[in-house]
Amino acid sequence: MFFVVVSVRFEKYGLRLHPEKTRLVRFERPGAKPPSGGDGPGHFDLLGFTHFWGRSRNGNWVVKRKTAKDRFSRTLRRFSKWCSENRHLPIRDQHLALSRKLRGHDAYFGITGNGKALALLRHWVRRIWRKWLGRRSWKTRLTWVRMARLLELFPLPTARVVHSALR
């Protein structure tokens, strides 16, 4: 029934539902009586975020969002690829580019409730950057002590929530 109604509305604007990409997801507030054979409130991925139910600071049930796992791992792969291809650049140029990329990531994924994922991304970007800087030369290794000094001179921007989620 739902698909028929939505299909008719979409056709009015010349749009169609993709049969393989469209599905109904059970997503009701926890505590609601699940239908027979139900397995809880569920979660779903949409637009790079995993939407799930959680408690607010007041104890009310709210829909929360965090970066989807596939988007997070894809972002890390892209950072690693960029660092490997550009490790020959001066550190100042690498720092500027990485900072720009992190701020761009925050511009999209920086929403209320996603701060942990943003901070975790910084952690992994530091590790990736150290790995590829350590491979610039066969003479010396880049220890974490030296990397800490480098990060004091060229700090990566802190994780920043840019958008407040509308309630």
Protein backbone atom coordinates (compact mmCIF):
# COMPACT_ATOMS: atom_id res chain seq x y z
CA MET A 1 0.00 0.00 0.00
CA PHE A 2 2.76 2.42 0.97
CA PHE A 3 4.73 1.83 -2.22
CA VAL A 4 1.65 2.42 -4.37
CA VAL A 5 0.89 5.76 -2.72
CA VAL A 6 4.49 6.96 -2.84
CA SER A 7 4.92 5.80 -6.45
CA VAL A 8 1.86 7.79 -7.51
CA ARG A 9 3.16 10.92 -5.76
CA PHE A 10 6.61 10.54 -7.28
CA GLU A 11 5.21 10.04 -10.80
CA LYS A 12 3.48 13.40 -10.48
CA TYR A 13 6.98 14.94 -10.53
CA GLY A 14 8.49 12.53 -13.06
CA LEU A 15 10.32 10.47 -10.41
CA ARG A 16 10.44 6.72 -9.80
CA LEU A 17 11.40 4.51 -6.86
CA HIS A 18 14.29 2.15 -7.47
CA PRO A 19 12.97 -1.32 -6.55
CA GLU A 20 16.31 -2.62 -5.25
CA LYS A 21 17.15 0.48 -3.22
CA THR A 22 13.76 1.09 -1.65
CA ARG A 23 12.56 -0.80 1.39
CA LEU A 24 10.48 -0.28 4.51
CA VAL A 25 12.38 -0.24 7.77
CA ARG A 26 10.72 -0.83 11.11
CA PHE A 27 11.79 2.17 13.14
CA GLU A 28 9.58 2.88 16.11
CA ARG A 29 10.34 4.24 19.52
CA PRO A 30 11.75 1.67 21.98
CA GLY A 31 9.21 0.46 24.46
CA ALA A 32 6.49 0.30 21.84
CA LYS A 33 5.03 -3.18 21.58
CA PRO A 34 6.82 -4.94 18.68
CA PRO A 35 4.68 -6.96 16.29
CA SER A 36 4.95 -10.71 16.49
CA GLY A 37 8.39 -11.80 15.38
CA GLY A 38 9.71 -8.25 15.77
CA ASP A 39 13.29 -7.75 16.87
CA GLY A 40 13.34 -4.28 18.40
CA PRO A 41 13.35 -0.71 17.16
CA GLY A 42 16.09 -1.07 14.55
CA HIS A 43 18.36 1.39 12.80
CA PHE A 44 19.06 2.39 9.24
CA ASP A 45 21.71 4.16 7.15
CA LEU A 46 20.79 7.19 5.09
CA LEU A 47 22.96 9.95 3.57
CA GLY A 48 26.11 8.72 5.30
CA PHE A 49 24.61 8.54 8.79
CA THR A 50 23.31 5.67 10.88
CA HIS A 51 20.00 6.72 12.45
CA PHE A 52 19.11 5.01 15.72
CA TRP A 53 17.11 5.53 18.89
CA GLY A 54 18.84 6.82 22.01
CA ARG A 55 18.10 8.71 25.19
CA SER A 56 18.49 12.47 25.39
CA ARG A 57 20.02 14.18 28.42
CA ASN A 58 16.48 14.58 29.76
CA GLY A 59 15.85 10.86 29.41
CA ASN A 60 13.47 11.14 26.46
CA TRP A 61 13.74 8.89 23.42
CA VAL A 62 15.20 10.74 20.43
CA VAL A 63 16.54 9.80 17.01
CA LYS A 64 20.32 10.04 17.07
CA ARG A 65 22.76 10.03 14.19
CA LYS A 66 26.37 8.95 13.82
CA THR A 67 28.68 8.49 10.85
CA ALA A 68 27.89 5.23 9.06
CA LYS A 69 30.64 2.60 9.29
CA ASP A 70 31.11 2.33 5.54
CA ARG A 71 31.51 6.10 5.16
CA PHE A 72 33.97 6.25 8.06
CA SER A 73 36.18 3.49 6.66
CA ARG A 74 35.99 4.96 3.15
CA THR A 75 37.12 8.34 4.55
CA LEU A 76 40.09 6.70 6.29
CA ARG A 77 41.08 4.90 3.08
CA ARG A 78 40.97 8.19 1.19
CA PHE A 79 43.12 9.93 3.81
CA SER A 80 45.63 7.09 3.65
CA LYS A 81 45.73 7.19 -0.14
CA TRP A 82 46.23 10.95 -0.14
CA CYS A 83 49.02 10.76 2.46
CA SER A 84 50.82 8.01 0.55
CA GLU A 85 50.62 9.92 -2.74
CA ASN A 86 51.67 13.26 -1.25
CA ARG A 87 54.27 12.28 1.36
CA HIS A 88 56.95 13.99 -0.75
CA LEU A 89 55.35 17.42 -0.14
CA PRO A 90 56.71 19.72 2.57
CA ILE A 91 55.10 19.07 5.94
CA ARG A 92 53.57 22.56 5.98
CA ASP A 93 51.72 21.83 2.71
CA GLN A 94 50.58 18.42 3.97
CA HIS A 95 49.31 20.01 7.18
CA LEU A 96 47.33 22.65 5.28
CA ALA A 97 45.73 20.04 3.03
CA LEU A 98 44.89 17.65 5.88
CA SER A 99 43.41 20.51 7.92
CA ARG A 100 41.29 21.57 4.97
CA LYS A 101 40.07 18.01 4.45
CA LEU A 102 39.18 17.61 8.14
CA ARG A 103 37.26 20.90 8.20
CA GLY A 104 35.39 19.79 5.09
CA HIS A 105 34.53 16.49 6.76
CA ASP A 106 33.21 18.44 9.77
CA ALA A 107 31.11 20.63 7.49
CA TYR A 108 29.04 17.59 6.52
CA PHE A 109 29.37 15.10 9.38
CA GLY A 110 29.65 17.67 12.19
CA ILE A 111 26.18 17.30 13.65
CA THR A 112 24.97 17.08 17.23
CA GLY A 113 25.73 13.65 18.68
CA ASN A 114 28.47 12.77 16.20
CA GLY A 115 31.39 14.26 18.15
CA LYS A 116 32.87 10.85 19.02
CA ALA A 117 33.16 9.87 15.37
CA LEU A 118 34.78 13.23 14.53
CA ALA A 119 37.32 12.82 17.34
CA LEU A 120 38.00 9.21 16.32
CA LEU A 121 38.68 10.35 12.77
CA ARG A 122 41.34 12.76 14.08
CA HIS A 123 42.96 9.95 16.04
CA TRP A 124 43.21 7.74 12.95
CA VAL A 125 44.34 10.58 10.68
CA ARG A 126 47.25 11.28 13.08
CA ARG A 127 48.24 7.61 12.93
CA ILE A 128 47.95 7.51 9.13
CA TRP A 129 49.95 10.73 8.73
CA ARG A 130 52.70 9.40 11.01
CA LYS A 131 52.82 6.12 9.08
CA TRP A 132 53.35 7.84 5.74
CA LEU A 133 55.74 10.47 7.07
CA GLY A 134 57.81 7.62 8.50
CA ARG A 135 58.13 6.15 5.01
CA ARG A 136 59.66 9.26 3.47
CA SER A 137 63.14 8.02 4.24
CA TRP A 138 64.80 4.71 4.96
CA LYS A 139 67.31 6.39 7.29
CA THR A 140 65.18 7.16 10.32
CA ARG A 141 61.88 6.21 11.78
CA LEU A 142 59.35 8.75 12.90
CA THR A 143 58.73 7.92 16.57
CA TRP A 144 55.65 9.05 18.44
CA VAL A 145 57.80 11.47 20.44
CA ARG A 146 58.92 13.19 17.24
CA MET A 147 55.37 13.07 15.88
CA ALA A 148 54.09 14.74 19.07
CA ARG A 149 56.59 17.57 18.54
CA LEU A 150 55.53 17.85 14.92
CA LEU A 151 51.86 18.03 15.97
CA GLU A 152 52.72 20.85 18.38
CA LEU A 153 54.12 22.83 15.46
CA PHE A 154 51.40 21.75 13.02
CA PRO A 155 48.29 20.86 15.04
CA LEU A 156 45.35 19.33 13.24
CA PRO A 157 42.05 21.17 13.82
CA THR A 158 39.97 19.89 16.70
CA ALA A 159 36.70 18.09 16.04
CA ARG A 160 33.89 20.59 15.68
CA VAL A 161 30.14 20.16 15.64
CA VAL A 162 28.98 22.60 12.97
CA HIS A 163 25.26 21.81 12.73
CA SER A 164 22.73 21.46 15.52
CA ALA A 165 20.23 18.73 14.88
CA LEU A 166 16.70 20.02 14.67
CA ARG A 167 14.37 18.49 17.19
